[in-house]
Amino acid sequence: MEHTLGQERSALARPLADDGVEQMLDQLPPMICWRPPVLEADYPARAAQNSREIRLRGRGLTLIPSYFCRITPVALVDQGLPPVLVYPARRLSPSPATVNDLLVELLGRTRAETLRCIVTTPSCTTTELARRTGASLANASKHAHVLRQAGLITSTRQANLMLHQATKLGTEFIRAQPPDEPRARP
């Protein structure tokens, strides 16, 4: 569940950071459609007869991906609180055990897994990297350092934590698919 939700947050965080809210809204799952200035969402059939329309009137909208929400989003509305739209999280890529073999060949298994963790978990800490990859804290820090030097991640110190985020290049490395046919090696 953590992997799936981390991927969903990453899939939306990158377009939001790079291109703004409208591009992020365009990246939502297919049951949610951004038609400026309206965000349309499929809704359960029994509610559709009442045509649920929510006007924000300057209030924000909280989008929450859910591992347990299935098929259609659910709106939570209380006039005293900002509205919430809970929607099914997409299963975006294979499980953590199937990191691209070419990437493993290039970076090594632990470093490739470290990069994957950073791509799928925005603002991943060094301690979290160590826990999720099975590396020592010192090794997780070293792997992050090498990935940062290669331009695949950025790191920011916040109090006593080091937060790592993937760059666009780092994200493309993880999301890249191997070619359909193996290329001949020179």
Protein backbone atom coordinates (compact mmCIF):
# COMPACT_ATOMS: atom_id res chain seq x y z
CA MET A 1 0.00 0.00 0.00
CA GLU A 2 2.82 2.38 0.91
CA HIS A 3 4.46 1.79 -2.46
CA THR A 4 1.23 2.40 -4.42
CA LEU A 5 0.31 5.58 -2.53
CA GLY A 6 3.89 6.89 -2.78
CA GLN A 7 3.79 6.38 -6.56
CA GLU A 8 0.45 8.20 -6.80
CA ARG A 9 1.75 11.18 -4.81
CA SER A 10 4.90 11.28 -6.94
CA ALA A 11 2.90 11.07 -10.17
CA LEU A 12 1.03 14.22 -9.13
CA ALA A 13 3.82 16.07 -7.31
CA ARG A 14 6.14 16.27 -10.33
CA PRO A 15 3.63 17.94 -12.74
CA LEU A 16 2.48 20.21 -9.90
CA ALA A 17 6.04 21.33 -9.16
CA ASP A 18 7.11 21.58 -12.80
CA ASP A 19 4.02 22.96 -14.54
CA GLY A 20 1.38 23.99 -11.96
CA VAL A 21 -2.04 22.95 -10.73
CA GLU A 22 -3.73 22.60 -14.12
CA GLN A 23 -1.11 20.11 -15.36
CA MET A 24 -1.38 18.17 -12.11
CA LEU A 25 -5.18 17.99 -12.45
CA ASP A 26 -4.72 16.65 -15.99
CA GLN A 27 -2.70 13.76 -14.49
CA LEU A 28 -5.50 12.51 -12.22
CA PRO A 29 -6.93 9.03 -12.96
CA PRO A 30 -9.40 8.72 -15.87
CA MET A 31 -12.49 8.75 -13.65
CA ILE A 32 -11.62 12.39 -12.80
CA CYS A 33 -11.61 14.90 -15.64
CA TRP A 34 -10.31 18.48 -15.51
CA ARG A 35 -12.34 20.75 -17.81
CA PRO A 36 -11.41 24.25 -16.67
CA PRO A 37 -12.84 25.58 -14.46
CA VAL A 38 -14.70 22.35 -13.54
CA LEU A 39 -13.29 19.17 -12.05
CA GLU A 40 -15.67 16.32 -12.95
CA ALA A 41 -15.63 12.95 -11.23
CA ASP A 42 -17.55 9.73 -11.79
CA TYR A 43 -19.77 9.14 -8.81
CA PRO A 44 -21.75 6.13 -7.55
CA ALA A 45 -24.99 5.60 -9.52
CA ARG A 46 -27.31 6.06 -6.54
CA ALA A 47 -25.88 9.55 -5.94
CA ALA A 48 -25.89 10.45 -9.65
CA GLN A 49 -29.66 10.89 -9.72
CA ASN A 50 -29.24 13.79 -7.28
CA SER A 51 -26.41 15.30 -9.39
CA ARG A 52 -23.78 16.18 -6.79
CA GLU A 53 -22.29 19.55 -7.59
CA ILE A 54 -19.89 21.14 -5.15
CA ARG A 55 -19.04 24.80 -5.54
CA LEU A 56 -15.79 25.67 -3.80
CA ARG A 57 -16.42 29.43 -3.48
CA GLY A 58 -12.76 30.11 -2.74
CA ARG A 59 -12.27 27.07 -0.51
CA GLY A 60 -9.54 24.63 -1.45
CA LEU A 61 -10.09 21.03 -2.44
CA THR A 62 -8.10 18.27 -0.78
CA LEU A 63 -7.32 15.34 -3.10
CA ILE A 64 -6.60 12.07 -1.29
CA PRO A 65 -5.51 8.93 -3.14
CA SER A 66 -6.82 5.81 -1.42
CA TYR A 67 -5.67 2.23 -1.67
CA PHE A 68 -9.10 1.02 -0.53
CA CYS A 69 -11.32 3.31 -2.61
CA ARG A 70 -12.46 1.34 -5.68
CA ILE A 71 -13.90 2.31 -9.07
CA THR A 72 -15.26 5.81 -8.30
CA PRO A 73 -14.13 8.74 -6.15
CA VAL A 74 -16.03 9.78 -3.05
CA ALA A 75 -16.62 13.41 -2.04
CA LEU A 76 -16.65 14.35 1.62
CA VAL A 77 -18.39 17.66 2.15
CA ASP A 78 -19.01 19.55 5.39
CA GLN A 79 -19.85 23.23 4.94
CA GLY A 80 -17.53 24.11 7.85
CA LEU A 81 -14.52 22.31 6.34
CA PRO A 82 -12.71 22.34 2.99
CA PRO A 83 -14.15 19.69 0.65
CA VAL A 84 -12.26 16.43 0.17
CA LEU A 85 -12.19 14.14 -2.86
CA VAL A 86 -10.98 10.61 -2.11
CA TYR A 87 -10.12 8.69 -5.29
CA PRO A 88 -8.71 5.26 -6.16
CA ALA A 89 -4.92 5.24 -6.30
CA ARG A 90 -3.55 3.83 -9.55
CA ARG A 91 -1.21 0.88 -9.66
CA LEU A 92 1.45 2.69 -11.72
CA SER A 93 4.35 0.29 -11.95
CA PRO A 94 5.60 -3.14 -10.95
CA SER A 95 6.37 -4.13 -7.39
CA PRO A 96 9.61 -2.94 -5.71
CA ALA A 97 11.28 -6.28 -6.42
CA THR A 98 11.18 -5.70 -10.20
CA VAL A 99 13.45 -2.69 -10.60
CA ASN A 100 14.54 -2.44 -14.24
CA ASP A 101 17.46 -4.84 -14.79
CA LEU A 102 19.29 -2.35 -17.01
CA LEU A 103 19.11 0.25 -14.25
CA VAL A 104 20.46 -2.33 -11.77
CA GLU A 105 23.28 -3.11 -14.20
CA LEU A 106 24.10 0.61 -14.45
CA LEU A 107 23.77 1.65 -10.80
CA GLY A 108 23.92 -1.57 -8.79
CA ARG A 109 20.95 -3.17 -7.00
CA THR A 110 20.99 -1.10 -3.79
CA ARG A 111 21.58 2.22 -5.52
CA ALA A 112 18.82 1.47 -8.08
CA GLU A 113 16.48 0.54 -5.22
CA THR A 114 17.50 3.75 -3.39
CA LEU A 115 16.58 5.82 -6.44
CA ARG A 116 13.27 3.95 -6.80
CA CYS A 117 12.45 4.66 -3.14
CA ILE A 118 13.15 8.38 -3.62
CA VAL A 119 11.05 8.54 -6.81
CA THR A 120 8.07 6.79 -5.19
CA THR A 121 8.24 8.60 -1.84
CA PRO A 122 8.44 12.40 -2.11
CA SER A 123 10.66 13.88 0.60
CA CYS A 124 12.15 10.52 1.59
CA THR A 125 14.58 10.74 4.54
CA THR A 126 17.96 8.99 4.74
CA THR A 127 16.67 6.89 7.66
CA GLU A 128 13.69 5.81 5.56
CA LEU A 129 16.05 4.92 2.68
CA ALA A 130 18.12 2.74 5.00
CA ARG A 131 15.02 0.98 6.34
CA ARG A 132 13.42 0.40 2.93
CA THR A 133 16.59 -0.79 1.15
CA GLY A 134 18.05 -2.79 4.03
CA ALA A 135 21.26 -0.71 3.92
CA SER A 136 23.00 0.79 6.92
CA LEU A 137 22.37 4.48 7.59
CA ALA A 138 25.92 5.28 6.43
CA ASN A 139 25.49 3.30 3.19
CA ALA A 140 22.07 4.89 2.50
CA SER A 141 23.70 8.31 2.94
CA LYS A 142 26.54 7.34 0.57
CA HIS A 143 24.09 6.06 -2.08
CA ALA A 144 22.08 9.30 -1.82
CA HIS A 145 25.31 11.31 -2.16
CA VAL A 146 26.27 9.49 -5.38
CA LEU A 147 22.74 9.88 -6.82
CA ARG A 148 22.83 13.60 -5.94
CA GLN A 149 26.25 14.02 -7.63
CA ALA A 150 24.81 12.31 -10.74
CA GLY A 151 21.92 14.79 -10.84
CA LEU A 152 19.28 12.10 -10.21
CA ILE A 153 18.12 13.51 -6.85
CA THR A 154 18.26 16.68 -4.78
CA SER A 155 18.63 16.76 -1.01
CA THR A 156 17.55 19.40 1.48
CA ARG A 157 18.36 19.57 5.15
CA GLN A 158 15.35 20.27 7.36
CA ALA A 159 16.28 20.46 11.06
CA ASN A 160 18.02 17.14 11.76
CA LEU A 161 16.59 15.38 8.68
CA MET A 162 17.96 15.12 5.17
CA LEU A 163 15.05 15.02 2.69
CA HIS A 164 15.67 13.55 -0.75
CA GLN A 165 13.58 14.20 -3.88
CA ALA A 166 14.01 12.86 -7.39
CA THR A 167 14.90 15.23 -10.19
CA LYS A 168 13.09 14.95 -13.50
CA LEU A 169 16.03 12.90 -14.81
CA GLY A 170 15.90 10.56 -11.81
CA THR A 171 12.17 10.03 -12.30
CA GLU A 172 12.70 9.31 -16.01
CA PHE A 173 15.36 6.73 -15.14
CA ILE A 174 12.90 4.79 -12.98
CA ARG A 175 9.90 5.18 -15.28
CA ALA A 176 11.83 4.28 -18.48
CA GLN A 177 10.83 0.99 -20.06
CA PRO A 178 13.43 -1.30 -21.58
CA PRO A 179 13.34 -1.53 -25.39
CA ASP A 180 11.08 -4.18 -26.96
CA GLU A 181 14.03 -5.94 -28.58
CA PRO A 182 17.46 -6.25 -27.01
CA ARG A 183 20.03 -4.13 -28.78
CA ALA A 184 23.24 -5.73 -29.95
CA ARG A 185 26.17 -4.83 -27.73
CA PRO A 186 29.23 -3.44 -29.52
